[in-house]
Amino acid sequence: MNAIIGFAALAAAHVNQPDQVQEYLNKISTSGQHLFPPEPDSAESAEQCHEIHTERRHHHCPYYSETVL
């Protein structure tokens, strides 16, 4: 996310240099693809992406119970 913000600022600072702006936009696009990878091709893969696994654990946290209460 930092790269996207940084390259957007650089592109804005170089609006009179189209080649430089295009380079920054390409880097923004690449950074965005890392944040949001393409959707899976198969329905099975999509189901696996949406699986949630939970585990219940008991912890003794006297600090939190004293400060919250």
Protein backbone atom coordinates (compact mmCIF):
# COMPACT_ATOMS: atom_id res chain seq x y z
CA MET A 1 0.00 0.00 0.00
CA ASN A 2 2.90 2.33 0.75
CA ALA A 3 4.28 1.77 -2.75
CA ILE A 4 0.94 2.69 -4.32
CA ILE A 5 0.70 5.90 -2.32
CA GLY A 6 4.33 6.79 -3.01
CA PHE A 7 4.16 6.16 -6.76
CA ALA A 8 0.87 8.07 -6.99
CA ALA A 9 2.56 11.07 -5.37
CA LEU A 10 5.51 10.76 -7.75
CA ALA A 11 3.19 10.55 -10.75
CA ALA A 12 1.37 13.68 -9.59
CA ALA A 13 4.69 15.48 -9.23
CA HIS A 14 5.73 14.58 -12.79
CA VAL A 15 2.52 15.27 -14.75
CA ASN A 16 4.52 17.04 -17.46
CA GLN A 17 6.66 13.93 -18.07
CA PRO A 18 4.30 11.32 -19.61
CA ASP A 19 6.94 8.60 -19.90
CA GLN A 20 7.81 8.92 -16.22
CA VAL A 21 4.12 8.97 -15.23
CA GLN A 22 3.51 5.80 -17.28
CA GLU A 23 6.35 4.07 -15.46
CA TYR A 24 4.86 5.03 -12.09
CA LEU A 25 1.40 3.86 -13.19
CA ASN A 26 2.85 0.49 -14.21
CA LYS A 27 4.44 0.14 -10.77
CA ILE A 28 1.15 1.10 -9.10
CA SER A 29 -0.63 -1.58 -11.12
CA THR A 30 1.94 -4.21 -10.17
CA SER A 31 1.70 -3.25 -6.50
CA GLY A 32 -2.09 -3.47 -6.65
CA GLN A 33 -1.89 -6.98 -8.09
CA HIS A 34 0.17 -8.04 -5.08
CA LEU A 35 -2.51 -6.70 -2.75
CA PHE A 36 -5.40 -8.31 -4.63
CA PRO A 37 -4.32 -11.44 -6.50
CA PRO A 38 -6.54 -12.68 -9.35
CA GLU A 39 -9.61 -14.73 -8.51
CA PRO A 40 -9.18 -18.53 -8.61
CA ASP A 41 -10.23 -20.23 -11.85
CA SER A 42 -12.13 -23.16 -10.41
CA ALA A 43 -15.14 -23.23 -8.10
CA GLU A 44 -13.28 -25.63 -5.82
CA SER A 45 -10.44 -23.16 -5.37
CA ALA A 46 -12.95 -20.42 -4.62
CA GLU A 47 -14.55 -22.55 -1.91
CA GLN A 48 -11.15 -23.18 -0.34
CA CYS A 49 -10.44 -19.43 -0.25
CA HIS A 50 -13.59 -18.82 1.76
CA GLU A 51 -13.05 -21.54 4.37
CA ILE A 52 -12.60 -20.26 7.88
CA HIS A 53 -10.97 -22.35 10.56
CA THR A 54 -11.41 -21.39 14.19
CA GLU A 55 -10.02 -22.75 17.38
CA ARG A 56 -11.19 -21.96 20.88
CA ARG A 57 -8.46 -21.42 23.47
CA HIS A 58 -8.62 -20.42 27.08
CA HIS A 59 -6.08 -17.91 28.32
CA HIS A 60 -5.46 -16.47 31.73
CA CYS A 61 -5.02 -12.73 31.22
CA PRO A 62 -5.26 -10.96 34.58
CA TYR A 63 -3.96 -7.70 33.12
CA TYR A 64 -6.79 -7.42 30.63
CA SER A 65 -9.50 -8.50 33.02
CA GLU A 66 -8.33 -5.94 35.61
CA THR A 67 -7.97 -3.05 33.16
CA VAL A 68 -11.18 -3.72 31.24
CA LEU A 69 -13.32 -4.26 34.30
